[in-house]
Amino acid sequence: MIINKAKEVLRIEAESILKLTESINVSFEKLVNAICSSNGRVIISGIGKSGLIGKKIVSTLISTGTNSMFLHPVEALHGDLGMVSKDDVFIAISNSGETSELNQLLPVVKNIGCRLAGFTGKPDSSMAGFCDIVIDTGVEKEACPFNMAPTASTTAQLAMGDALAVVLITKKKFKKSDFMKSHPGGVLGQRLSSRVGEIMFEASTAPCVLTGSSMDLAIEQMDKFKLGAVIVLDEKEKLKGIITDGDIRHCIANQQYDLSAQSVDTVMTIDPRTLTAQSFLYEALNLMEKYQITVLPIVDKQNKFDGLLHLHDILGKGSFQFNGDSQ
């Protein structure tokens, strides 16, 4: 019963999010354009659970390049409204659209002159009537068995906020390097803003074998350098493949015990994922996390092997753990 109930909650919330795709219309486009053309900030306001969702949306917007802040409706009515200017875009969040504290604030905000938008499940609500732009975040029902506790509705609000943030990333041409500028804190943040070439093992100090070599030689190189991989090159030093500890484990699992009888060409992963020495370390970390790998061949534009990057050298040996091990 417990598992089935949990699955039902997830199904209701997932269906609520999918239902939002039917609600996306020109109003969403107007909101995006209003934010992009604004010289001010995005100010989000809500109370209770909607307020918590608003704070999370603000956090996402800030980290992806949109200047934003959260304004509590009650605090706004007691002095903090001075933070709002006519150049801002103000987004109110209320599922019912009848939150008294918020609706008391909106006419005052409107008089300031900024654009007003609302995330609400009731497009015909009082709140919606104050707004220039209305984004429908309505759901058919809450996941709560009493249809009372905000569950599916807050999930829908959050998902719409994510949609807004991601569309703004594209619209503003926000880049990965921009993301790193807003996440510079700590040793890891500083390290990730460096280039791959600054910490990689150069080709002359990385384990390599030529195509056609025996697996005995490959394993010898892996054991010598202890990087968990060996690179396979052709006669022109161009990358042909990689063999990792994981590849060898897979061979053993498939009862290919006599590795000495095989060549590297039969075991290696052909055309592995690569980066260049000029790539940022955060790009390497993203790639490694996505594909669960710990070593990455580094090549130039002609696919000539430049070096080898290991996850431990990105994160700092002994400081972090990661479970990927194969291409």
C-alpha atoms as a PDB file:
ATOM      1  CA  MET A   1       0.000   0.000   0.000  1.00  0.00           C
ATOM      2  CA  ILE A   2       2.818   2.398   0.900  1.00  0.00           C
ATOM      3  CA  ILE A   3       4.680   1.890  -2.357  1.00  0.00           C
ATOM      4  CA  ASN A   4       1.523   2.136  -4.458  1.00  0.00           C
ATOM      5  CA  LYS A   5       0.512   5.358  -2.703  1.00  0.00           C
ATOM      6  CA  ALA A   6       3.943   6.875  -3.296  1.00  0.00           C
ATOM      7  CA  LYS A   7       3.727   5.933  -6.972  1.00  0.00           C
ATOM      8  CA  GLU A   8       0.291   7.512  -7.192  1.00  0.00           C
ATOM      9  CA  VAL A   9       1.602  10.795  -5.767  1.00  0.00           C
ATOM     10  CA  LEU A  10       4.453  10.863  -8.280  1.00  0.00           C
ATOM     11  CA  ARG A  11       2.061  10.034 -11.115  1.00  0.00           C
ATOM     12  CA  ILE A  12      -0.328  12.842 -10.146  1.00  0.00           C
ATOM     13  CA  GLU A  13       2.488  15.369  -9.930  1.00  0.00           C
ATOM     14  CA  ALA A  14       4.074  14.204 -13.189  1.00  0.00           C
ATOM     15  CA  GLU A  15       0.736  14.448 -14.988  1.00  0.00           C
ATOM     16  CA  SER A  16       0.235  17.931 -13.538  1.00  0.00           C
ATOM     17  CA  ILE A  17       3.524  19.082 -15.015  1.00  0.00           C
ATOM     18  CA  LEU A  18       2.745  17.552 -18.403  1.00  0.00           C
ATOM     19  CA  LYS A  19      -0.627  19.281 -18.335  1.00  0.00           C
ATOM     20  CA  LEU A  20       1.188  22.621 -18.154  1.00  0.00           C
ATOM     21  CA  THR A  21       2.379  22.158 -21.729  1.00  0.00           C
ATOM     22  CA  GLU A  22      -1.205  22.793 -22.779  1.00  0.00           C
ATOM     23  CA  SER A  23      -1.218  26.060 -20.801  1.00  0.00           C
ATOM     24  CA  ILE A  24       1.934  27.541 -22.339  1.00  0.00           C
ATOM     25  CA  ASN A  25       0.855  30.276 -24.738  1.00  0.00           C
ATOM     26  CA  VAL A  26       1.730  33.772 -25.903  1.00  0.00           C
ATOM     27  CA  SER A  27       1.545  35.022 -22.290  1.00  0.00           C
ATOM     28  CA  PHE A  28       4.676  33.048 -21.448  1.00  0.00           C
ATOM     29  CA  GLU A  29       6.443  34.565 -24.448  1.00  0.00           C
ATOM     30  CA  LYS A  30       5.360  38.051 -23.331  1.00  0.00           C
ATOM     31  CA  LEU A  31       6.822  37.420 -19.876  1.00  0.00           C
ATOM     32  CA  VAL A  32      10.164  36.281 -21.307  1.00  0.00           C
ATOM     33  CA  ASN A  33      10.341  39.313 -23.605  1.00  0.00           C
ATOM     34  CA  ALA A  34       9.385  41.652 -20.754  1.00  0.00           C
ATOM     35  CA  ILE A  35      12.212  40.307 -18.603  1.00  0.00           C
ATOM     36  CA  CYS A  36      14.754  40.474 -21.437  1.00  0.00           C
ATOM     37  CA  SER A  37      13.847  44.070 -22.296  1.00  0.00           C
ATOM     38  CA  SER A  38      13.782  45.213 -18.662  1.00  0.00           C
ATOM     39  CA  ASN A  39      16.557  47.312 -17.159  1.00  0.00           C
ATOM     40  CA  GLY A  40      15.546  46.236 -13.671  1.00  0.00           C
ATOM     41  CA  ARG A  41      15.191  42.983 -11.783  1.00  0.00           C
ATOM     42  CA  VAL A  42      12.711  40.153 -11.630  1.00  0.00           C
ATOM     43  CA  ILE A  43      10.964  40.447  -8.262  1.00  0.00           C
ATOM     44  CA  ILE A  44       8.989  37.414  -7.116  1.00  0.00           C
ATOM     45  CA  SER A  45       6.477  37.466  -4.288  1.00  0.00           C
ATOM     46  CA  GLY A  46       4.290  34.909  -2.617  1.00  0.00           C
ATOM     47  CA  ILE A  47       3.302  33.687   0.821  1.00  0.00           C
ATOM     48  CA  GLY A  48       3.299  30.265   2.479  1.00  0.00           C
ATOM     49  CA  LYS A  49       4.195  27.354   0.208  1.00  0.00           C
ATOM     50  CA  SER A  50       4.020  29.579  -2.872  1.00  0.00           C
ATOM     51  CA  GLY A  51       6.506  31.888  -1.199  1.00  0.00           C
ATOM     52  CA  LEU A  52       8.933  29.021  -0.705  1.00  0.00           C
ATOM     53  CA  ILE A  53       8.563  28.095  -4.372  1.00  0.00           C
ATOM     54  CA  GLY A  54       9.161  31.746  -5.273  1.00  0.00           C
ATOM     55  CA  LYS A  55      12.442  31.759  -3.337  1.00  0.00           C
ATOM     56  CA  LYS A  56      13.643  28.695  -5.189  1.00  0.00           C
ATOM     57  CA  ILE A  57      12.750  30.232  -8.570  1.00  0.00           C
ATOM     58  CA  VAL A  58      14.651  33.385  -7.599  1.00  0.00           C
ATOM     59  CA  SER A  59      17.680  31.268  -6.718  1.00  0.00           C
ATOM     60  CA  THR A  60      17.551  29.512 -10.098  1.00  0.00           C
ATOM     61  CA  LEU A  61      17.144  32.788 -11.997  1.00  0.00           C
ATOM     62  CA  ILE A  62      20.084  34.395 -10.206  1.00  0.00           C
ATOM     63  CA  SER A  63      22.385  31.447 -10.845  1.00  0.00           C
ATOM     64  CA  THR A  64      21.519  31.491 -14.551  1.00  0.00           C
ATOM     65  CA  GLY A  65      22.093  35.178 -15.174  1.00  0.00           C
ATOM     66  CA  THR A  66      18.786  36.909 -14.419  1.00  0.00           C
ATOM     67  CA  ASN A  67      18.992  39.543 -11.681  1.00  0.00           C
ATOM     68  CA  SER A  68      16.213  38.605  -9.252  1.00  0.00           C
ATOM     69  CA  MET A  69      15.048  38.949  -5.676  1.00  0.00           C
ATOM     70  CA  PHE A  70      12.278  37.619  -3.456  1.00  0.00           C
ATOM     71  CA  LEU A  71       9.947  40.082  -1.715  1.00  0.00           C
ATOM     72  CA  HIS A  72       7.647  38.909   1.061  1.00  0.00           C
ATOM     73  CA  PRO A  73       4.206  40.540   0.629  1.00  0.00           C
ATOM     74  CA  VAL A  74       3.854  41.496   4.307  1.00  0.00           C
ATOM     75  CA  GLU A  75       7.378  42.909   4.539  1.00  0.00           C
ATOM     76  CA  ALA A  76       6.704  44.859   1.343  1.00  0.00           C
ATOM     77  CA  LEU A  77       3.662  46.508   2.911  1.00  0.00           C
ATOM     78  CA  HIS A  78       5.771  47.491   5.912  1.00  0.00           C
ATOM     79  CA  GLY A  79       8.633  49.260   4.185  1.00  0.00           C
ATOM     80  CA  ASP A  80      10.361  46.884   1.778  1.00  0.00           C
ATOM     81  CA  LEU A  81       8.283  48.082  -1.175  1.00  0.00           C
ATOM     82  CA  GLY A  82      10.957  50.743  -1.618  1.00  0.00           C
ATOM     83  CA  MET A  83      13.066  48.057  -3.300  1.00  0.00           C
ATOM     84  CA  VAL A  84      10.659  47.905  -6.248  1.00  0.00           C
ATOM     85  CA  SER A  85      11.206  50.252  -9.196  1.00  0.00           C
ATOM     86  CA  LYS A  86       9.294  50.916 -12.419  1.00  0.00           C
ATOM     87  CA  ASP A  87      11.998  49.077 -14.388  1.00  0.00           C
ATOM     88  CA  ASP A  88      11.359  45.770 -12.586  1.00  0.00           C
ATOM     89  CA  VAL A  89       9.198  42.832 -13.635  1.00  0.00           C
ATOM     90  CA  PHE A  90       7.096  41.697 -10.681  1.00  0.00           C
ATOM     91  CA  ILE A  91       5.854  38.076 -10.571  1.00  0.00           C
ATOM     92  CA  ALA A  92       3.199  37.165  -8.003  1.00  0.00           C
ATOM     93  CA  ILE A  93       2.649  33.491  -7.144  1.00  0.00           C
ATOM     94  CA  SER A  94      -0.640  32.188  -5.721  1.00  0.00           C
ATOM     95  CA  ASN A  95      -2.465  29.034  -6.702  1.00  0.00           C
ATOM     96  CA  SER A  96      -5.863  30.373  -5.645  1.00  0.00           C
ATOM     97  CA  GLY A  97      -5.176  33.917  -6.762  1.00  0.00           C
ATOM     98  CA  GLU A  98      -7.050  35.093  -3.666  1.00  0.00           C
ATOM     99  CA  THR A  99      -4.179  35.488  -1.198  1.00  0.00           C
ATOM    100  CA  SER A 100      -5.211  38.637   0.669  1.00  0.00           C
ATOM    101  CA  GLU A 101      -1.715  39.835   1.590  1.00  0.00           C
ATOM    102  CA  LEU A 102      -0.587  39.533  -2.032  1.00  0.00           C
ATOM    103  CA  ASN A 103      -3.702  41.115  -3.532  1.00  0.00           C
ATOM    104  CA  GLN A 104      -3.373  44.030  -1.121  1.00  0.00           C
ATOM    105  CA  LEU A 105       0.162  44.603  -2.421  1.00  0.00           C
ATOM    106  CA  LEU A 106      -0.394  44.320  -6.181  1.00  0.00           C
ATOM    107  CA  PRO A 107      -2.330  47.583  -6.774  1.00  0.00           C
ATOM    108  CA  VAL A 108       0.487  49.475  -5.047  1.00  0.00           C
ATOM    109  CA  VAL A 109       3.092  47.692  -7.171  1.00  0.00           C
ATOM    110  CA  LYS A 110       1.083  48.478 -10.289  1.00  0.00           C
ATOM    111  CA  ASN A 111       1.130  52.176  -9.393  1.00  0.00           C
ATOM    112  CA  ILE A 112       4.927  52.083  -9.294  1.00  0.00           C
ATOM    113  CA  GLY A 113       4.809  51.296 -12.995  1.00  0.00           C
ATOM    114  CA  CYS A 114       6.557  47.936 -13.308  1.00  0.00           C
ATOM    115  CA  ARG A 115       5.165  45.051 -15.362  1.00  0.00           C
ATOM    116  CA  LEU A 116       3.019  42.673 -13.321  1.00  0.00           C
ATOM    117  CA  ALA A 117       2.818  38.936 -13.995  1.00  0.00           C
ATOM    118  CA  GLY A 118       1.128  36.166 -12.056  1.00  0.00           C
ATOM    119  CA  PHE A 119       1.580  32.420 -11.672  1.00  0.00           C
ATOM    120  CA  THR A 120      -1.846  31.155 -10.651  1.00  0.00           C
ATOM    121  CA  GLY A 121      -4.099  28.157 -10.944  1.00  0.00           C
ATOM    122  CA  LYS A 122      -7.115  30.471 -11.351  1.00  0.00           C
ATOM    123  CA  PRO A 123      -6.742  32.756 -14.407  1.00  0.00           C
ATOM    124  CA  ASP A 124     -10.042  34.431 -13.483  1.00  0.00           C
ATOM    125  CA  SER A 125      -8.979  35.212  -9.889  1.00  0.00           C
ATOM    126  CA  SER A 126      -8.623  38.597  -8.232  1.00  0.00           C
ATOM    127  CA  MET A 127      -4.839  38.391  -8.490  1.00  0.00           C
ATOM    128  CA  ALA A 128      -4.999  37.672 -12.188  1.00  0.00           C
ATOM    129  CA  GLY A 129      -7.104  40.788 -12.638  1.00  0.00           C
ATOM    130  CA  PHE A 130      -4.245  42.961 -11.367  1.00  0.00           C
ATOM    131  CA  CYS A 131      -1.670  41.362 -13.671  1.00  0.00           C
ATOM    132  CA  ASP A 132      -0.574  42.407 -17.147  1.00  0.00           C
ATOM    133  CA  ILE A 133       0.530  38.828 -17.870  1.00  0.00           C
ATOM    134  CA  VAL A 134      -1.107  35.699 -16.446  1.00  0.00           C
ATOM    135  CA  ILE A 135       0.656  32.316 -16.493  1.00  0.00           C
ATOM    136  CA  ASP A 136      -1.735  29.434 -15.848  1.00  0.00           C
ATOM    137  CA  THR A 137      -0.177  26.923 -13.427  1.00  0.00           C
ATOM    138  CA  GLY A 138      -3.429  25.194 -12.572  1.00  0.00           C
ATOM    139  CA  VAL A 139      -3.673  21.498 -11.751  1.00  0.00           C
ATOM    140  CA  GLU A 140      -6.698  19.216 -11.773  1.00  0.00           C
ATOM    141  CA  LYS A 141      -6.094  17.986  -8.234  1.00  0.00           C
ATOM    142  CA  GLU A 142      -3.550  17.892  -5.457  1.00  0.00           C
ATOM    143  CA  ALA A 143      -1.725  14.690  -4.590  1.00  0.00           C
ATOM    144  CA  CYS A 144      -3.014  15.131  -1.037  1.00  0.00           C
ATOM    145  CA  PRO A 145      -5.921  12.697  -0.418  1.00  0.00           C
ATOM    146  CA  PHE A 146      -8.005  15.607   0.886  1.00  0.00           C
ATOM    147  CA  ASN A 147      -7.143  17.743  -2.162  1.00  0.00           C
ATOM    148  CA  MET A 148      -6.010  20.444   0.233  1.00  0.00           C
ATOM    149  CA  ALA A 149      -2.255  20.383   0.972  1.00  0.00           C
ATOM    150  CA  PRO A 150      -0.282  22.146  -1.796  1.00  0.00           C
ATOM    151  CA  THR A 151       1.534  19.324  -3.569  1.00  0.00           C
ATOM    152  CA  ALA A 152       0.849  19.048  -7.289  1.00  0.00           C
ATOM    153  CA  SER A 153       0.145  22.791  -7.447  1.00  0.00           C
ATOM    154  CA  THR A 154       3.497  23.785  -5.944  1.00  0.00           C
ATOM    155  CA  THR A 155       5.262  21.260  -8.175  1.00  0.00           C
ATOM    156  CA  ALA A 156       3.584  22.896 -11.168  1.00  0.00           C
ATOM    157  CA  GLN A 157       4.654  26.365 -10.005  1.00  0.00           C
ATOM    158  CA  LEU A 158       8.230  25.221  -9.564  1.00  0.00           C
ATOM    159  CA  ALA A 159       8.288  23.535 -12.971  1.00  0.00           C
ATOM    160  CA  MET A 160       6.958  26.692 -14.631  1.00  0.00           C
ATOM    161  CA  GLY A 161       9.688  28.670 -12.893  1.00  0.00           C
ATOM    162  CA  ASP A 162      12.303  26.262 -14.219  1.00  0.00           C
ATOM    163  CA  ALA A 163      10.837  26.609 -17.710  1.00  0.00           C
ATOM    164  CA  LEU A 164      11.136  30.380 -17.410  1.00  0.00           C
ATOM    165  CA  ALA A 165      14.750  30.212 -16.212  1.00  0.00           C
ATOM    166  CA  VAL A 166      15.846  27.795 -18.931  1.00  0.00           C
ATOM    167  CA  VAL A 167      14.152  29.756 -21.719  1.00  0.00           C
ATOM    168  CA  LEU A 168      15.879  32.899 -20.425  1.00  0.00           C
ATOM    169  CA  ILE A 169      19.228  31.080 -20.577  1.00  0.00           C
ATOM    170  CA  THR A 170      18.688  30.552 -24.297  1.00  0.00           C
ATOM    171  CA  LYS A 171      17.157  33.944 -24.955  1.00  0.00           C
ATOM    172  CA  LYS A 172      20.000  35.781 -23.197  1.00  0.00           C
ATOM    173  CA  LYS A 173      22.653  33.474 -24.707  1.00  0.00           C
ATOM    174  CA  PHE A 174      23.909  32.684 -21.222  1.00  0.00           C
ATOM    175  CA  LYS A 175      26.995  30.445 -21.509  1.00  0.00           C
ATOM    176  CA  LYS A 176      28.653  27.850 -19.292  1.00  0.00           C
ATOM    177  CA  SER A 177      31.469  30.303 -18.642  1.00  0.00           C
ATOM    178  CA  ASP A 178      28.871  32.807 -17.399  1.00  0.00           C
ATOM    179  CA  PHE A 179      27.491  30.126 -15.077  1.00  0.00           C
ATOM    180  CA  MET A 180      30.936  29.611 -13.583  1.00  0.00           C
ATOM    181  CA  LYS A 181      31.304  33.354 -12.977  1.00  0.00           C
ATOM    182  CA  SER A 182      28.236  33.221 -10.746  1.00  0.00           C
ATOM    183  CA  HIS A 183      29.518  30.110  -8.926  1.00  0.00           C
ATOM    184  CA  PRO A 184      33.103  31.082  -8.061  1.00  0.00           C
ATOM    185  CA  GLY A 185      33.012  30.186  -4.378  1.00  0.00           C
ATOM    186  CA  GLY A 186      35.434  27.768  -2.802  1.00  0.00           C
ATOM    187  CA  VAL A 187      38.423  25.837  -4.027  1.00  0.00           C
ATOM    188  CA  LEU A 188      36.347  23.692  -6.382  1.00  0.00           C
ATOM    189  CA  GLY A 189      34.761  26.732  -8.018  1.00  0.00           C
ATOM    190  CA  GLN A 190      38.151  28.299  -8.634  1.00  0.00           C
ATOM    191  CA  ARG A 191      39.540  25.037  -9.988  1.00  0.00           C
ATOM    192  CA  LEU A 192      36.630  24.504 -12.370  1.00  0.00           C
ATOM    193  CA  SER A 193      37.197  27.885 -14.003  1.00  0.00           C
ATOM    194  CA  SER A 194      40.686  26.739 -15.084  1.00  0.00           C
ATOM    195  CA  ARG A 195      41.563  25.120 -18.413  1.00  0.00           C
ATOM    196  CA  VAL A 196      42.013  21.387 -18.957  1.00  0.00           C
ATOM    197  CA  GLY A 197      45.554  21.916 -20.216  1.00  0.00           C
ATOM    198  CA  GLU A 198      46.609  23.338 -16.856  1.00  0.00           C
ATOM    199  CA  ILE A 199      46.230  20.069 -14.947  1.00  0.00           C
ATOM    200  CA  MET A 200      46.100  17.241 -17.500  1.00  0.00           C
ATOM    201  CA  PHE A 201      48.808  14.596 -17.874  1.00  0.00           C
ATOM    202  CA  GLU A 202      50.642  15.548 -21.069  1.00  0.00           C
ATOM    203  CA  ALA A 203      50.933  12.952 -23.817  1.00  0.00           C
ATOM    204  CA  SER A 204      54.550  12.199 -22.939  1.00  0.00           C
ATOM    205  CA  THR A 205      53.582  11.290 -19.373  1.00  0.00           C
ATOM    206  CA  ALA A 206      50.355   9.377 -20.106  1.00  0.00           C
ATOM    207  CA  PRO A 207      49.954   5.606 -20.643  1.00  0.00           C
ATOM    208  CA  CYS A 208      49.748   4.902 -24.381  1.00  0.00           C
ATOM    209  CA  VAL A 209      50.058   1.921 -26.738  1.00  0.00           C
ATOM    210  CA  LEU A 210      49.789   1.587 -30.507  1.00  0.00           C
ATOM    211  CA  THR A 211      46.958  -0.168 -32.291  1.00  0.00           C
ATOM    212  CA  GLY A 212      47.729  -3.842 -32.721  1.00  0.00           C
ATOM    213  CA  SER A 213      49.598  -4.003 -29.402  1.00  0.00           C
ATOM    214  CA  SER A 214      48.973  -6.880 -27.038  1.00  0.00           C
ATOM    215  CA  MET A 215      46.758  -6.562 -24.028  1.00  0.00           C
ATOM    216  CA  ASP A 216      49.759  -7.621 -21.942  1.00  0.00           C
ATOM    217  CA  LEU A 217      51.494  -4.380 -22.930  1.00  0.00           C
ATOM    218  CA  ALA A 218      48.337  -2.341 -22.298  1.00  0.00           C
ATOM    219  CA  ILE A 219      47.917  -3.801 -18.791  1.00  0.00           C
ATOM    220  CA  GLU A 220      51.611  -3.198 -18.110  1.00  0.00           C
ATOM    221  CA  GLN A 221      51.167   0.481 -19.015  1.00  0.00           C
ATOM    222  CA  MET A 222      48.023   0.771 -16.909  1.00  0.00           C
ATOM    223  CA  ASP A 223      49.818  -0.710 -13.914  1.00  0.00           C
ATOM    224  CA  LYS A 224      52.837   1.564 -14.406  1.00  0.00           C
ATOM    225  CA  PHE A 225      50.927   4.846 -14.547  1.00  0.00           C
ATOM    226  CA  LYS A 226      48.022   3.853 -12.253  1.00  0.00           C
ATOM    227  CA  LEU A 227      45.511   6.174 -13.927  1.00  0.00           C
ATOM    228  CA  GLY A 228      42.904   3.499 -14.562  1.00  0.00           C
ATOM    229  CA  ALA A 229      43.218   3.672 -18.341  1.00  0.00           C
ATOM    230  CA  VAL A 230      45.518   3.355 -21.319  1.00  0.00           C
ATOM    231  CA  ILE A 231      45.192   5.296 -24.583  1.00  0.00           C
ATOM    232  CA  VAL A 232      45.372   3.536 -27.949  1.00  0.00           C
ATOM    233  CA  LEU A 233      47.001   5.552 -30.772  1.00  0.00           C
ATOM    234  CA  ASP A 234      47.840   5.025 -34.431  1.00  0.00           C
ATOM    235  CA  GLU A 235      51.283   5.623 -35.951  1.00  0.00           C
ATOM    236  CA  LYS A 236      50.520   9.357 -36.350  1.00  0.00           C
ATOM    237  CA  GLU A 237      49.693   9.677 -32.641  1.00  0.00           C
ATOM    238  CA  LYS A 238      46.002  10.133 -33.366  1.00  0.00           C
ATOM    239  CA  LEU A 239      43.477   8.799 -30.886  1.00  0.00           C
ATOM    240  CA  LYS A 240      41.893   5.466 -31.834  1.00  0.00           C
ATOM    241  CA  GLY A 241      40.471   4.309 -28.527  1.00  0.00           C
ATOM    242  CA  ILE A 242      40.774   3.885 -24.769  1.00  0.00           C
ATOM    243  CA  ILE A 243      40.907   0.894 -22.452  1.00  0.00           C
ATOM    244  CA  THR A 244      39.842   1.394 -18.835  1.00  0.00           C
ATOM    245  CA  ASP A 245      39.817  -0.777 -15.746  1.00  0.00           C
ATOM    246  CA  GLY A 246      36.104  -1.137 -16.390  1.00  0.00           C
ATOM    247  CA  ASP A 247      36.714  -2.579 -19.872  1.00  0.00           C
ATOM    248  CA  ILE A 248      38.955  -5.251 -18.394  1.00  0.00           C
ATOM    249  CA  ARG A 249      36.362  -6.096 -15.746  1.00  0.00           C
ATOM    250  CA  HIS A 250      33.763  -6.450 -18.484  1.00  0.00           C
ATOM    251  CA  CYS A 251      36.020  -8.898 -20.331  1.00  0.00           C
ATOM    252  CA  ILE A 252      36.420 -11.005 -17.217  1.00  0.00           C
ATOM    253  CA  ALA A 253      32.677 -10.875 -16.543  1.00  0.00           C
ATOM    254  CA  ASN A 254      32.136 -12.173 -20.094  1.00  0.00           C
ATOM    255  CA  GLN A 255      34.602 -15.012 -19.373  1.00  0.00           C
ATOM    256  CA  GLN A 256      37.283 -13.595 -21.646  1.00  0.00           C
ATOM    257  CA  TYR A 257      39.994 -14.634 -19.204  1.00  0.00           C
ATOM    258  CA  ASP A 258      42.915 -15.017 -21.622  1.00  0.00           C
ATOM    259  CA  LEU A 259      43.509 -11.332 -22.270  1.00  0.00           C
ATOM    260  CA  SER A 260      47.112 -11.961 -23.294  1.00  0.00           C
ATOM    261  CA  ALA A 261      45.815 -13.655 -26.432  1.00  0.00           C
ATOM    262  CA  GLN A 262      43.946 -10.520 -27.489  1.00  0.00           C
ATOM    263  CA  SER A 263      45.044  -7.248 -29.036  1.00  0.00           C
ATOM    264  CA  VAL A 264      44.039  -3.858 -27.702  1.00  0.00           C
ATOM    265  CA  ASP A 265      41.839  -3.338 -30.766  1.00  0.00           C
ATOM    266  CA  THR A 266      39.394  -5.991 -29.599  1.00  0.00           C
ATOM    267  CA  VAL A 267      39.018  -4.566 -26.089  1.00  0.00           C
ATOM    268  CA  MET A 268      39.249  -0.786 -26.512  1.00  0.00           C
ATOM    269  CA  THR A 269      36.335   1.627 -26.696  1.00  0.00           C
ATOM    270  CA  ILE A 270      36.522   3.187 -30.150  1.00  0.00           C
ATOM    271  CA  ASP A 271      36.163   6.965 -30.543  1.00  0.00           C
ATOM    272  CA  PRO A 272      35.808   7.780 -26.831  1.00  0.00           C
ATOM    273  CA  ARG A 273      34.485  11.113 -25.617  1.00  0.00           C
ATOM    274  CA  THR A 274      37.142  13.819 -25.681  1.00  0.00           C
ATOM    275  CA  LEU A 275      37.839  17.484 -24.992  1.00  0.00           C
ATOM    276  CA  THR A 276      40.620  19.881 -25.985  1.00  0.00           C
ATOM    277  CA  ALA A 277      43.256  21.398 -23.736  1.00  0.00           C
ATOM    278  CA  GLN A 278      41.475  24.772 -24.048  1.00  0.00           C
ATOM    279  CA  SER A 279      38.216  23.432 -22.609  1.00  0.00           C
ATOM    280  CA  PHE A 280      37.222  24.538 -19.127  1.00  0.00           C
ATOM    281  CA  LEU A 281      37.442  22.055 -16.292  1.00  0.00           C
ATOM    282  CA  TYR A 282      33.742  22.517 -15.534  1.00  0.00           C
ATOM    283  CA  GLU A 283      33.024  21.213 -19.057  1.00  0.00           C
ATOM    284  CA  ALA A 284      35.127  18.145 -18.303  1.00  0.00           C
ATOM    285  CA  LEU A 285      33.390  17.605 -14.978  1.00  0.00           C
ATOM    286  CA  ASN A 286      29.954  17.900 -16.612  1.00  0.00           C
ATOM    287  CA  LEU A 287      30.967  15.349 -19.268  1.00  0.00           C
ATOM    288  CA  MET A 288      32.387  12.939 -16.720  1.00  0.00           C
ATOM    289  CA  GLU A 289      29.329  13.191 -14.505  1.00  0.00           C
ATOM    290  CA  LYS A 290      26.934  12.743 -17.422  1.00  0.00           C
ATOM    291  CA  TYR A 291      28.619   9.610 -18.761  1.00  0.00           C
ATOM    292  CA  GLN A 292      29.979   8.250 -15.433  1.00  0.00           C
ATOM    293  CA  ILE A 293      33.628   8.229 -16.489  1.00  0.00           C
ATOM    294  CA  THR A 294      36.777   9.125 -14.568  1.00  0.00           C
ATOM    295  CA  VAL A 295      39.352   9.550 -17.341  1.00  0.00           C
ATOM    296  CA  LEU A 296      39.108  11.694 -20.439  1.00  0.00           C
ATOM    297  CA  PRO A 297      41.453  11.750 -23.466  1.00  0.00           C
ATOM    298  CA  ILE A 298      42.478  15.258 -24.533  1.00  0.00           C
ATOM    299  CA  VAL A 299      43.057  15.866 -28.244  1.00  0.00           C
ATOM    300  CA  ASP A 300      43.762  18.736 -30.629  1.00  0.00           C
ATOM    301  CA  LYS A 301      41.607  19.751 -33.595  1.00  0.00           C
ATOM    302  CA  GLN A 302      43.180  17.025 -35.746  1.00  0.00           C
ATOM    303  CA  ASN A 303      42.398  14.371 -33.111  1.00  0.00           C
ATOM    304  CA  LYS A 304      46.078  14.085 -32.163  1.00  0.00           C
ATOM    305  CA  PHE A 305      46.496  12.935 -28.583  1.00  0.00           C
ATOM    306  CA  ASP A 306      47.476  15.819 -26.269  1.00  0.00           C
ATOM    307  CA  GLY A 307      47.053  14.331 -22.844  1.00  0.00           C
ATOM    308  CA  LEU A 308      44.865  12.571 -20.294  1.00  0.00           C
ATOM    309  CA  LEU A 309      42.606  14.128 -17.671  1.00  0.00           C
ATOM    310  CA  HIS A 310      41.646  12.271 -14.495  1.00  0.00           C
ATOM    311  CA  LEU A 311      38.657  13.155 -12.341  1.00  0.00           C
ATOM    312  CA  HIS A 312      40.746  13.134  -9.156  1.00  0.00           C
ATOM    313  CA  ASP A 313      42.899  15.920 -10.514  1.00  0.00           C
ATOM    314  CA  ILE A 314      39.818  18.060 -11.177  1.00  0.00           C
ATOM    315  CA  LEU A 315      38.311  17.610  -7.733  1.00  0.00           C
ATOM    316  CA  GLY A 316      41.489  17.252  -5.718  1.00  0.00           C
ATOM    317  CA  LYS A 317      42.758  13.840  -4.723  1.00  0.00           C
ATOM    318  CA  GLY A 318      41.215  12.536  -1.535  1.00  0.00           C
ATOM    319  CA  SER A 319      38.663  15.346  -1.263  1.00  0.00           C
ATOM    320  CA  PHE A 320      35.818  13.944  -3.338  1.00  0.00           C
ATOM    321  CA  GLN A 321      34.511  10.595  -4.480  1.00  0.00           C
ATOM    322  CA  PHE A 322      32.950   9.595  -7.797  1.00  0.00           C
ATOM    323  CA  ASN A 323      31.824   6.170  -8.927  1.00  0.00           C
ATOM    324  CA  GLY A 324      32.249   6.277 -12.699  1.00  0.00           C
ATOM    325  CA  ASP A 325      34.997   4.182 -14.231  1.00  0.00           C
ATOM    326  CA  SER A 326      34.451   3.448 -17.924  1.00  0.00           C
ATOM    327  CA  GLN A 327      33.809   5.136 -21.217  1.00  0.00           C
END
